[in-house]
């Protein structure tokens, strides 16, 4: 999940992430969903969760 988050921080799309770590697109979506849960990013907010996840990653 950290590798996925790092690739998200580089601006990679889900497809590009899947190719980089050699997994399916569905696996990437599952990793991203887990990342959102672990970072306590609520579903369906007005904010873009992917951007918020990257910002939290960059803070660490």
N, C-alpha and C. Protein backbone atom coordinates (compact mmCIF):
# COMPACT_ATOMS: atom_id res chain seq x y z
N UNK A 1 0.82 -1.20 0.00
CA UNK A 1 0.00 0.00 0.00
C UNK A 1 0.86 1.26 0.00
N UNK A 2 1.99 1.21 0.68
CA UNK A 2 2.88 2.39 0.68
C UNK A 2 3.41 2.66 -0.72
N UNK A 3 3.73 1.59 -1.44
CA UNK A 3 4.23 1.77 -2.81
C UNK A 3 3.14 2.36 -3.70
N UNK A 4 1.92 1.90 -3.52
CA UNK A 4 0.79 2.45 -4.28
C UNK A 4 0.62 3.92 -3.95
N UNK A 5 0.67 4.26 -2.68
CA UNK A 5 0.52 5.65 -2.26
C UNK A 5 1.65 6.51 -2.80
N UNK A 6 2.86 5.98 -2.80
CA UNK A 6 3.99 6.73 -3.36
C UNK A 6 3.79 6.99 -4.85
N UNK A 7 3.28 6.00 -5.57
CA UNK A 7 3.02 6.18 -7.00
C UNK A 7 1.87 7.15 -7.23
N UNK A 8 0.88 7.14 -6.34
CA UNK A 8 -0.19 8.13 -6.42
C UNK A 8 0.39 9.53 -6.26
N UNK A 9 1.35 9.66 -5.33
CA UNK A 9 1.97 10.96 -5.09
C UNK A 9 2.75 11.44 -6.31
N UNK A 10 3.19 10.51 -7.15
CA UNK A 10 3.88 10.87 -8.39
C UNK A 10 2.89 11.25 -9.49
N UNK A 11 1.60 11.13 -9.20
CA UNK A 11 0.58 11.49 -10.18
C UNK A 11 0.18 10.37 -11.11
N UNK A 12 0.56 9.14 -10.77
CA UNK A 12 0.26 7.99 -11.62
C UNK A 12 -1.23 7.65 -11.56
N UNK A 13 -1.76 7.22 -12.69
CA UNK A 13 -3.14 6.73 -12.75
C UNK A 13 -3.18 5.31 -12.18
N UNK A 14 -4.39 4.82 -11.94
CA UNK A 14 -4.51 3.45 -11.45
C UNK A 14 -3.89 2.46 -12.43
N UNK A 15 -4.12 2.66 -13.72
CA UNK A 15 -3.54 1.76 -14.73
C UNK A 15 -2.02 1.80 -14.70
N UNK A 16 -1.45 2.99 -14.58
CA UNK A 16 0.00 3.12 -14.53
C UNK A 16 0.56 2.47 -13.26
N UNK A 17 -0.15 2.59 -12.17
CA UNK A 17 0.28 1.95 -10.92
C UNK A 17 0.25 0.44 -11.08
N UNK A 18 -0.82 -0.08 -11.68
CA UNK A 18 -0.94 -1.52 -11.90
C UNK A 18 0.22 -2.04 -12.74
N UNK A 19 0.56 -1.32 -13.79
CA UNK A 19 1.68 -1.73 -14.64
C UNK A 19 3.01 -1.67 -13.88
N UNK A 20 3.18 -0.64 -13.06
CA UNK A 20 4.44 -0.45 -12.34
C UNK A 20 4.70 -1.55 -11.31
N UNK A 21 3.64 -1.99 -10.64
CA UNK A 21 3.83 -3.00 -9.59
C UNK A 21 3.34 -4.39 -10.02
N UNK A 22 2.97 -4.49 -11.28
CA UNK A 22 2.58 -5.76 -11.91
C UNK A 22 1.45 -6.45 -11.16
N UNK A 23 0.34 -5.73 -11.04
CA UNK A 23 -0.89 -6.29 -10.48
C UNK A 23 -2.05 -5.84 -11.36
N UNK A 24 -3.23 -6.36 -11.08
CA UNK A 24 -4.41 -5.98 -11.85
C UNK A 24 -4.92 -4.61 -11.39
N UNK A 25 -5.73 -4.01 -12.24
CA UNK A 25 -6.36 -2.74 -11.87
C UNK A 25 -7.24 -2.89 -10.65
N UNK A 26 -7.90 -4.03 -10.53
CA UNK A 26 -8.73 -4.30 -9.36
C UNK A 26 -7.93 -4.35 -8.08
N UNK A 27 -6.72 -4.90 -8.16
CA UNK A 27 -5.85 -4.95 -6.98
C UNK A 27 -5.44 -3.55 -6.56
N UNK A 28 -5.16 -2.70 -7.54
CA UNK A 28 -4.80 -1.31 -7.23
C UNK A 28 -5.98 -0.61 -6.55
N UNK A 29 -7.17 -0.80 -7.08
CA UNK A 29 -8.36 -0.19 -6.47
C UNK A 29 -8.55 -0.65 -5.04
N UNK A 30 -8.30 -1.93 -4.77
CA UNK A 30 -8.41 -2.47 -3.41
C UNK A 30 -7.37 -1.83 -2.50
N UNK A 31 -6.14 -1.70 -2.98
CA UNK A 31 -5.09 -1.05 -2.19
C UNK A 31 -5.48 0.39 -1.87
N UNK A 32 -5.99 1.10 -2.86
CA UNK A 32 -6.38 2.50 -2.66
C UNK A 32 -7.53 2.60 -1.67
N UNK A 33 -8.48 1.69 -1.77
CA UNK A 33 -9.59 1.66 -0.82
C UNK A 33 -9.07 1.45 0.60
N UNK A 34 -8.12 0.53 0.76
CA UNK A 34 -7.52 0.28 2.08
C UNK A 34 -6.78 1.51 2.58
N UNK A 35 -6.08 2.19 1.69
CA UNK A 35 -5.36 3.41 2.06
C UNK A 35 -6.34 4.45 2.59
N UNK A 36 -7.45 4.65 1.88
CA UNK A 36 -8.45 5.62 2.32
C UNK A 36 -8.99 5.26 3.70
N UNK A 37 -9.25 3.98 3.93
CA UNK A 37 -9.75 3.54 5.24
C UNK A 37 -8.72 3.80 6.33
N UNK A 38 -7.48 3.44 6.08
CA UNK A 38 -6.43 3.61 7.09
C UNK A 38 -6.14 5.07 7.40
N UNK A 39 -6.37 5.94 6.43
CA UNK A 39 -6.15 7.37 6.65
C UNK A 39 -7.41 8.08 7.14
N UNK A 40 -8.45 7.29 7.42
CA UNK A 40 -9.73 7.83 7.91
C UNK A 40 -10.31 8.87 6.96
N UNK A 41 -10.23 8.60 5.67
CA UNK A 41 -10.81 9.51 4.68
C UNK A 41 -12.22 9.03 4.38
N UNK A 42 -13.21 9.79 4.81
CA UNK A 42 -14.60 9.34 4.67
C UNK A 42 -15.02 9.29 3.20
N UNK A 43 -15.89 8.34 2.89
CA UNK A 43 -16.40 8.26 1.51
C UNK A 43 -17.34 9.42 1.21
N UNK A 44 -17.41 9.79 -0.04
CA UNK A 44 -18.38 10.77 -0.54
C UNK A 44 -18.33 12.11 0.17
N UNK A 45 -17.13 12.65 0.35
CA UNK A 45 -17.03 14.00 0.89
C UNK A 45 -16.86 14.96 -0.27
N UNK A 46 -16.90 16.23 0.01
CA UNK A 46 -16.69 17.21 -1.04
C UNK A 46 -15.24 17.29 -1.48
N UNK A 47 -14.33 16.76 -0.65
CA UNK A 47 -12.90 16.80 -0.96
C UNK A 47 -12.51 15.59 -1.80
N UNK A 48 -11.47 15.72 -2.53
CA UNK A 48 -10.96 14.65 -3.37
C UNK A 48 -10.08 13.75 -2.50
N UNK A 49 -10.54 12.54 -2.22
CA UNK A 49 -9.83 11.66 -1.29
C UNK A 49 -8.43 11.29 -1.78
N UNK A 50 -8.26 11.14 -3.07
CA UNK A 50 -6.94 10.78 -3.59
C UNK A 50 -5.92 11.88 -3.28
N UNK A 51 -6.33 13.13 -3.45
CA UNK A 51 -5.44 14.26 -3.14
C UNK A 51 -5.17 14.31 -1.64
N UNK A 52 -6.19 14.13 -0.83
CA UNK A 52 -6.01 14.15 0.62
C UNK A 52 -5.07 13.04 1.07
N UNK A 53 -5.18 11.86 0.47
CA UNK A 53 -4.29 10.75 0.82
C UNK A 53 -2.84 11.10 0.49
N UNK A 54 -2.62 11.68 -0.67
CA UNK A 54 -1.27 12.07 -1.07
C UNK A 54 -0.73 13.14 -0.13
N UNK A 55 -1.55 14.11 0.24
CA UNK A 55 -1.10 15.15 1.16
C UNK A 55 -0.69 14.56 2.50
N UNK A 56 -1.45 13.61 3.00
CA UNK A 56 -1.09 12.97 4.27
C UNK A 56 0.20 12.18 4.12
N UNK A 57 0.37 11.53 2.98
CA UNK A 57 1.61 10.79 2.71
C UNK A 57 2.81 11.73 2.72
N UNK A 58 2.66 12.87 2.09
CA UNK A 58 3.76 13.83 2.00
C UNK A 58 4.09 14.46 3.34
N UNK A 59 3.13 14.49 4.26
CA UNK A 59 3.37 15.04 5.59
C UNK A 59 4.25 14.12 6.44
N UNK A 60 4.31 12.85 6.10
CA UNK A 60 5.07 11.89 6.92
C UNK A 60 6.52 11.82 6.50
